Amino acid sequence: MKNEILIATRKQSGKTQKQVAIEIGIAEVTYKAYEQGTRTPSAPIGNSIAKAFSTTSEKLFGYFIPN
């Protein structure tokens, strides 16, 4: 299931998938999988994604990702 919140947050930020991936240091294909819901980020990556959007992992992924 697509992560509509993550997709909407990224679009609202004006960033592309590639820009986010570069910013957090992962492959673009990996970031795309997070948006498509086929992969779940590890705690550090989930928190990095949240930080890139100035939000929390709870808001983006629906649950707390501990460090």
N, C-alpha and C. Protein backbone atom coordinates (compact mmCIF):
# COMPACT_ATOMS: atom_id res chain seq x y z
N MET A 1 0.83 -1.17 0.00
CA MET A 1 0.00 0.00 0.00
C MET A 1 0.88 1.25 0.00
N LYS A 2 0.58 2.16 -0.86
CA LYS A 2 1.37 3.39 -0.95
C LYS A 2 1.30 4.18 0.35
N ASN A 3 2.39 4.85 0.66
CA ASN A 3 2.43 5.73 1.82
C ASN A 3 2.03 7.12 1.34
N GLU A 4 0.73 7.36 1.31
CA GLU A 4 0.20 8.62 0.79
C GLU A 4 0.67 9.82 1.60
N ILE A 5 0.86 9.64 2.88
CA ILE A 5 1.32 10.75 3.73
C ILE A 5 2.75 11.13 3.35
N LEU A 6 3.60 10.15 3.16
CA LEU A 6 4.99 10.42 2.76
C LEU A 6 5.02 11.10 1.39
N ILE A 7 4.22 10.61 0.47
CA ILE A 7 4.17 11.19 -0.88
C ILE A 7 3.70 12.64 -0.81
N ALA A 8 2.62 12.89 -0.08
CA ALA A 8 2.07 14.24 0.02
C ALA A 8 3.05 15.19 0.72
N THR A 9 3.71 14.69 1.75
CA THR A 9 4.69 15.51 2.47
C THR A 9 5.84 15.90 1.56
N ARG A 10 6.33 14.94 0.78
CA ARG A 10 7.43 15.24 -0.14
C ARG A 10 6.99 16.25 -1.18
N LYS A 11 5.82 16.06 -1.76
CA LYS A 11 5.34 16.99 -2.80
C LYS A 11 5.15 18.38 -2.22
N GLN A 12 4.61 18.44 -1.00
CA GLN A 12 4.41 19.74 -0.36
C GLN A 12 5.74 20.45 -0.11
N SER A 13 6.79 19.68 0.12
CA SER A 13 8.10 20.26 0.37
C SER A 13 8.75 20.80 -0.90
N GLY A 14 8.25 20.34 -2.05
CA GLY A 14 8.81 20.77 -3.33
C GLY A 14 10.03 19.97 -3.74
N LYS A 15 10.34 18.91 -3.00
CA LYS A 15 11.50 18.09 -3.30
C LYS A 15 11.10 16.92 -4.19
N THR A 16 12.04 16.48 -5.02
CA THR A 16 11.83 15.28 -5.82
C THR A 16 12.27 14.07 -5.01
N GLN A 17 11.89 12.89 -5.48
CA GLN A 17 12.34 11.66 -4.81
C GLN A 17 13.86 11.59 -4.83
N LYS A 18 14.44 11.97 -5.94
CA LYS A 18 15.90 11.94 -6.07
C LYS A 18 16.56 12.89 -5.08
N GLN A 19 16.01 14.09 -4.92
CA GLN A 19 16.58 15.06 -3.99
C GLN A 19 16.55 14.54 -2.56
N VAL A 20 15.44 13.93 -2.18
CA VAL A 20 15.33 13.39 -0.82
C VAL A 20 16.33 12.26 -0.63
N ALA A 21 16.41 11.37 -1.59
CA ALA A 21 17.35 10.25 -1.50
C ALA A 21 18.78 10.74 -1.33
N ILE A 22 19.17 11.71 -2.13
CA ILE A 22 20.53 12.26 -2.03
C ILE A 22 20.74 12.91 -0.66
N GLU A 23 19.76 13.67 -0.21
CA GLU A 23 19.87 14.37 1.07
C GLU A 23 20.08 13.41 2.24
N ILE A 24 19.43 12.25 2.19
CA ILE A 24 19.55 11.32 3.32
C ILE A 24 20.56 10.21 3.06
N GLY A 25 21.13 10.19 1.87
CA GLY A 25 22.21 9.25 1.58
C GLY A 25 21.78 7.83 1.22
N ILE A 26 20.67 7.71 0.51
CA ILE A 26 20.23 6.38 0.06
C ILE A 26 19.99 6.42 -1.44
N ALA A 27 19.80 5.25 -2.03
CA ALA A 27 19.51 5.17 -3.46
C ALA A 27 18.08 5.64 -3.73
N GLU A 28 17.89 6.29 -4.87
CA GLU A 28 16.57 6.78 -5.24
C GLU A 28 15.55 5.63 -5.30
N VAL A 29 15.97 4.48 -5.81
CA VAL A 29 15.06 3.34 -5.91
C VAL A 29 14.60 2.88 -4.52
N THR A 30 15.46 3.00 -3.54
CA THR A 30 15.10 2.64 -2.17
C THR A 30 14.06 3.61 -1.62
N TYR A 31 14.29 4.91 -1.85
CA TYR A 31 13.31 5.90 -1.38
C TYR A 31 11.96 5.67 -2.06
N LYS A 32 11.98 5.40 -3.35
CA LYS A 32 10.73 5.14 -4.08
C LYS A 32 9.98 3.95 -3.46
N ALA A 33 10.72 2.94 -3.04
CA ALA A 33 10.08 1.77 -2.42
C ALA A 33 9.40 2.15 -1.10
N TYR A 34 9.96 3.10 -0.37
CA TYR A 34 9.31 3.57 0.86
C TYR A 34 7.99 4.24 0.53
N GLU A 35 7.97 5.05 -0.51
CA GLU A 35 6.73 5.72 -0.91
C GLU A 35 5.70 4.70 -1.43
N GLN A 36 6.17 3.70 -2.15
CA GLN A 36 5.26 2.69 -2.70
C GLN A 36 4.78 1.70 -1.64
N GLY A 37 5.44 1.69 -0.49
CA GLY A 37 5.04 0.80 0.59
C GLY A 37 5.57 -0.61 0.45
N THR A 38 6.53 -0.81 -0.44
CA THR A 38 7.10 -2.15 -0.62
C THR A 38 8.29 -2.40 0.30
N ARG A 39 8.78 -1.34 0.93
CA ARG A 39 9.86 -1.44 1.91
C ARG A 39 9.55 -0.52 3.08
N THR A 40 10.10 -0.88 4.23
CA THR A 40 9.98 -0.06 5.43
C THR A 40 11.38 0.39 5.81
N PRO A 41 11.54 1.68 6.09
CA PRO A 41 12.89 2.16 6.43
C PRO A 41 13.34 1.66 7.80
N SER A 42 14.65 1.52 7.94
CA SER A 42 15.22 1.24 9.26
C SER A 42 15.00 2.47 10.13
N ALA A 43 15.23 2.32 11.42
CA ALA A 43 15.04 3.45 12.34
C ALA A 43 15.87 4.67 11.94
N PRO A 44 17.18 4.52 11.68
CA PRO A 44 17.95 5.71 11.32
C PRO A 44 17.47 6.37 10.02
N ILE A 45 17.14 5.55 9.03
CA ILE A 45 16.68 6.11 7.75
C ILE A 45 15.31 6.75 7.92
N GLY A 46 14.41 6.11 8.64
CA GLY A 46 13.08 6.70 8.88
C GLY A 46 13.18 8.05 9.57
N ASN A 47 14.07 8.11 10.54
CA ASN A 47 14.26 9.38 11.24
C ASN A 47 14.92 10.43 10.35
N SER A 48 15.82 10.01 9.47
CA SER A 48 16.45 10.94 8.52
C SER A 48 15.42 11.49 7.54
N ILE A 49 14.53 10.64 7.08
CA ILE A 49 13.47 11.09 6.17
C ILE A 49 12.59 12.12 6.88
N ALA A 50 12.20 11.80 8.10
CA ALA A 50 11.37 12.72 8.87
C ALA A 50 12.08 14.06 9.07
N LYS A 51 13.36 14.01 9.38
CA LYS A 51 14.14 15.24 9.58
C LYS A 51 14.21 16.05 8.29
N ALA A 52 14.33 15.37 7.15
CA ALA A 52 14.39 16.08 5.86
C ALA A 52 13.12 16.88 5.60
N PHE A 53 12.02 16.44 6.20
CA PHE A 53 10.74 17.14 6.02
C PHE A 53 10.31 17.91 7.27
N SER A 54 11.19 18.01 8.24
CA SER A 54 10.91 18.71 9.50
C SER A 54 9.63 18.20 10.16
N THR A 55 9.54 16.88 10.26
CA THR A 55 8.38 16.26 10.89
C THR A 55 8.86 15.06 11.70
N THR A 56 7.96 14.17 12.06
CA THR A 56 8.33 13.00 12.85
C THR A 56 8.05 11.72 12.06
N SER A 57 8.73 10.66 12.47
CA SER A 57 8.49 9.37 11.83
C SER A 57 7.07 8.89 12.09
N GLU A 58 6.50 9.25 13.24
CA GLU A 58 5.13 8.87 13.55
C GLU A 58 4.16 9.43 12.52
N LYS A 59 4.36 10.67 12.14
CA LYS A 59 3.47 11.31 11.16
C LYS A 59 3.65 10.72 9.77
N LEU A 60 4.87 10.35 9.41
CA LEU A 60 5.13 9.84 8.07
C LEU A 60 4.81 8.36 7.91
N PHE A 61 5.08 7.58 8.94
CA PHE A 61 4.97 6.13 8.83
C PHE A 61 3.89 5.53 9.72
N GLY A 62 3.28 6.36 10.57
CA GLY A 62 2.17 5.88 11.39
C GLY A 62 2.59 5.16 12.66
N TYR A 63 3.87 5.14 12.92
CA TYR A 63 4.36 4.50 14.13
C TYR A 63 5.71 5.10 14.50
N PHE A 64 6.09 4.90 15.74
CA PHE A 64 7.36 5.42 16.23
C PHE A 64 8.50 4.53 15.78
N ILE A 65 9.55 5.12 15.25
CA ILE A 65 10.76 4.38 14.87
C ILE A 65 11.84 4.82 15.86
N PRO A 66 12.15 3.97 16.84
CA PRO A 66 13.18 4.36 17.82
C PRO A 66 14.56 4.40 17.19
N ASN A 67 15.45 5.20 17.77
CA ASN A 67 16.84 5.27 17.28
C ASN A 67 17.59 4.02 17.63
